[in-house]
Protein backbone atom coordinates (compact mmCIF):
# COMPACT_ATOMS: atom_id res chain seq x y z
CA UNK A 1 100.98 89.92 81.51
CA UNK A 2 102.98 92.73 83.18
CA UNK A 3 105.88 94.09 81.12
CA UNK A 4 109.54 94.25 82.16
CA UNK A 5 109.14 97.98 82.70
CA UNK A 6 106.08 97.55 84.92
CA UNK A 7 107.75 94.87 87.04
CA UNK A 8 111.04 96.77 87.13
CA UNK A 9 109.48 99.98 88.38
CA UNK A 10 107.49 98.04 90.94
CA UNK A 11 110.63 96.24 92.11
CA UNK A 12 112.25 99.59 92.91
CA UNK A 13 109.48 100.36 95.40
CA UNK A 14 109.40 96.79 96.76
CA UNK A 15 113.15 96.72 97.36
CA UNK A 16 113.43 100.19 98.89
CA UNK A 17 110.22 100.46 100.91
CA UNK A 18 111.25 103.93 102.11
CA UNK A 19 111.30 105.22 98.50
CA UNK A 20 107.54 105.81 98.26
CA UNK A 21 107.11 107.78 101.51
CA UNK A 22 110.29 109.76 100.85
CA UNK A 23 108.97 110.82 97.44
CA UNK A 24 105.53 111.57 98.91
CA UNK A 25 107.17 114.06 101.28
CA UNK A 26 109.54 115.54 98.65
CA UNK A 27 107.24 115.75 95.65
CA UNK A 28 103.74 116.09 97.16
CA UNK A 29 104.33 117.66 100.60
CA UNK A 30 102.54 114.77 102.33
CA UNK A 31 103.19 115.19 106.08
CA UNK A 32 104.85 112.13 107.61
CA UNK A 33 105.88 112.90 111.18
CA UNK A 34 108.50 110.67 112.80
CA UNK A 35 108.24 107.51 110.73
CA UNK A 36 110.06 104.78 112.64
CA UNK A 37 109.31 101.85 110.34
CA UNK A 38 108.09 100.99 106.85
CA UNK A 39 106.35 97.72 106.04
CA UNK A 40 105.06 95.98 102.97
CA UNK A 41 101.38 95.13 103.34
CA UNK A 42 99.23 92.52 101.56
CA UNK A 43 98.09 94.04 98.29
CA UNK A 44 94.98 91.96 97.82
CA UNK A 45 91.92 94.13 98.33
CA UNK A 46 89.18 91.53 98.37
CA UNK A 47 85.62 92.41 99.22
CA UNK A 48 83.09 89.94 100.65
CA UNK A 49 81.85 88.94 97.21
CA UNK A 50 83.66 86.66 94.78
CA UNK A 51 85.60 89.47 93.09
CA UNK A 52 89.22 89.95 94.09
CA UNK A 53 90.99 93.27 93.68
CA UNK A 54 94.77 92.96 93.61
CA UNK A 55 96.91 96.06 93.58
CA UNK A 56 100.58 96.35 92.72
CA UNK A 57 102.07 97.20 96.10
CA UNK A 58 100.77 98.29 99.50
CA UNK A 59 102.99 99.90 102.13
CA UNK A 60 102.47 101.25 105.61
CA UNK A 61 104.43 103.70 107.74
CA UNK A 62 104.51 103.30 111.53
CA UNK A 63 105.56 105.50 114.41
CA UNK A 64 107.84 104.50 117.27
CA UNK A 65 104.86 103.02 119.15
CA UNK A 66 104.15 100.72 116.17
CA UNK A 67 100.99 102.65 115.29
CA UNK A 68 100.20 103.02 111.56
CA UNK A 69 100.57 106.60 110.31
CA UNK A 70 99.90 106.29 106.58
CA UNK A 71 99.06 103.56 104.07
CA UNK A 72 100.40 103.87 100.53
CA UNK A 73 98.95 102.06 97.52
CA UNK A 74 101.68 102.11 94.85
CA UNK A 75 100.36 101.51 91.35
CA UNK A 76 102.62 101.38 88.29
CA UNK A 77 100.70 102.50 85.22
CA UNK A 78 102.21 102.38 81.72
CA UNK A 79 99.01 102.90 79.69
CA UNK A 80 95.62 104.52 80.12
CA UNK A 81 93.19 101.87 81.36
CA UNK A 82 89.87 103.31 82.42
CA UNK A 83 88.99 100.28 84.58
CA UNK A 84 91.88 101.21 86.90
CA UNK A 85 90.09 104.39 87.93
CA UNK A 86 87.18 102.24 89.16
CA UNK A 87 89.50 99.88 91.09
CA UNK A 88 91.93 102.35 92.67
CA UNK A 89 89.38 103.74 95.16
CA UNK A 90 88.77 100.16 96.38
CA UNK A 91 92.49 99.75 97.07
CA UNK A 92 92.72 103.00 99.03
CA UNK A 93 89.55 102.42 101.05
CA UNK A 94 90.48 98.81 101.89
CA UNK A 95 94.01 99.70 102.99
CA UNK A 96 92.64 102.61 105.06
CA UNK A 97 90.17 100.27 106.76
CA UNK A 98 92.73 97.52 107.31
CA UNK A 99 95.32 99.82 108.88
CA UNK A 100 92.96 102.22 110.65
CA UNK A 101 94.81 105.29 109.36
CA UNK A 102 94.78 107.59 106.32
CA UNK A 103 95.84 106.09 102.99
CA UNK A 104 96.94 107.56 99.66
CA UNK A 105 97.22 106.34 96.08
CA UNK A 106 100.64 106.85 94.47
CA UNK A 107 100.60 106.21 90.71
CA UNK A 108 104.04 105.80 89.13
CA UNK A 109 104.41 106.25 85.37
CA UNK A 110 107.23 107.16 82.98
CA UNK A 111 104.68 108.59 80.51
CA UNK A 112 103.59 112.24 80.59
CA UNK A 113 100.29 111.39 78.86
CA UNK A 114 99.48 108.66 81.36
CA UNK A 115 100.50 110.94 84.24
CA UNK A 116 98.07 113.61 83.06
CA UNK A 117 95.28 111.04 82.70
CA UNK A 118 95.97 109.41 86.09
CA UNK A 119 96.09 112.72 87.96
CA UNK A 120 92.44 113.54 87.29
CA UNK A 121 90.32 113.37 90.46
CA UNK A 122 88.18 110.25 90.83
CA UNK A 123 84.64 111.13 91.83
CA UNK A 124 83.06 108.51 94.05
CA UNK A 125 79.55 109.88 93.85
CA UNK A 126 77.42 112.97 93.25
CA UNK A 127 77.90 114.42 96.74
CA UNK A 128 81.52 115.51 96.47
CA UNK A 129 83.48 112.47 97.65
CA UNK A 130 86.67 112.46 95.61
CA UNK A 131 90.01 110.65 95.57
CA UNK A 132 92.96 112.64 94.30
CA UNK A 133 95.68 110.30 92.97
CA UNK A 134 99.23 111.47 93.64
CA UNK A 135 101.06 110.89 90.36
CA UNK A 136 104.79 110.42 90.17
CA UNK A 137 105.30 111.07 86.47
CA UNK A 138 108.58 111.75 84.67
CA UNK A 139 108.48 115.44 85.64
CA UNK A 140 108.51 114.38 89.30
CA UNK A 141 111.04 111.56 89.08
CA UNK A 142 114.04 112.53 91.19
CA UNK A 143 117.11 113.97 89.46
CA UNK A 144 120.19 112.13 90.78
CA UNK A 145 123.54 113.39 89.50
CA UNK A 146 125.69 112.63 92.55
CA UNK A 147 127.29 109.14 92.49
CA UNK A 148 127.30 109.04 96.30
CA UNK A 149 123.54 109.65 96.40
CA UNK A 150 123.09 106.96 93.73
CA UNK A 151 125.11 104.49 95.78
CA UNK A 152 122.97 105.26 98.87
CA UNK A 153 119.72 104.62 96.94
CA UNK A 154 120.17 102.89 93.57
CA UNK A 155 116.38 102.88 93.16
CA UNK A 156 116.27 106.71 93.11
CA UNK A 157 119.14 106.70 90.60
CA UNK A 158 117.22 104.28 88.40
CA UNK A 159 114.11 106.49 88.39
CA UNK A 160 116.40 109.41 87.56
CA UNK A 161 117.96 107.56 84.63
CA UNK A 162 114.52 106.65 83.24
CA UNK A 163 113.28 110.25 83.31
CA UNK A 164 116.47 112.25 82.74
CA UNK A 165 118.93 109.85 81.08
CA UNK A 166 118.35 111.24 77.60
CA UNK A 167 117.97 114.91 78.51
CA UNK A 168 120.25 117.82 79.28
CA UNK A 169 121.55 116.15 82.46
CA UNK A 170 122.54 112.92 80.69
CA UNK A 171 126.30 113.37 81.25
CA UNK A 172 125.74 113.55 85.02
CA UNK A 173 122.75 111.23 85.43
CA UNK A 174 124.13 108.17 83.64
CA UNK A 175 127.46 107.95 85.53
CA UNK A 176 125.53 108.33 88.80
CA UNK A 177 123.13 105.59 87.69
CA UNK A 178 126.07 103.27 86.90
CA UNK A 179 127.63 104.04 90.29
CA UNK A 180 124.33 103.03 91.92
CA UNK A 181 124.25 99.77 89.97
CA UNK A 182 127.64 98.84 91.43
CA UNK A 183 125.99 98.65 94.89
CA UNK A 184 123.46 95.94 94.04
CA UNK A 185 123.80 92.26 93.24
CA UNK A 186 124.50 90.98 89.72
CA UNK A 187 121.05 89.46 89.14
CA UNK A 188 119.22 92.69 90.00
CA UNK A 189 121.68 94.69 87.88
CA UNK A 190 120.84 92.49 84.92
CA UNK A 191 117.08 92.94 85.44
CA UNK A 192 117.34 96.71 85.94
CA UNK A 193 119.56 97.10 82.89
CA UNK A 194 117.19 95.05 80.70
CA UNK A 195 114.03 96.96 81.56
CA UNK A 196 115.65 100.41 81.73
CA UNK A 197 117.03 99.99 78.20
CA UNK A 198 113.88 98.42 76.72
CA UNK A 199 111.36 100.99 77.99
């Protein structure tokens, strides 16, 4: 059963669908020209056999002509699970085929050890086909110290609080995080507070 932290992190990317592509551009230099729209996509990656592959979150970016530009498979990973590295290529390939455009795997983790493990290239075969996961670990979580920025995107402020709330920027990060919480409804505040303090 997914933990509060897993579901909470995933909810950030579900709620703010522009968060994933924004971070792809900022943290990984992924080119995204003129994105006009972001959409959530089905995250079931079923093949023709009886086995169903279900990812955490699938997103797509579209240009002003409604053409897909990039698919993003967002996977929250809290622990090292070797079976994930067999399934992730299925997610990327299926989303790429479904949308008819390039697709990337974005792994989100608050753990440095898991980030290091997840970032290793996934070899698909002996002839050089490789998937390179893009890993948003704690060293790449955004640093949000401005309350106005936190109010504009509480999800970024929450990622910032998870990664930097106990570090040298604590006195700036936590007030910004609280300012961001003031912009969202009471039920979501309660959920975010629970999983951000129980991680």
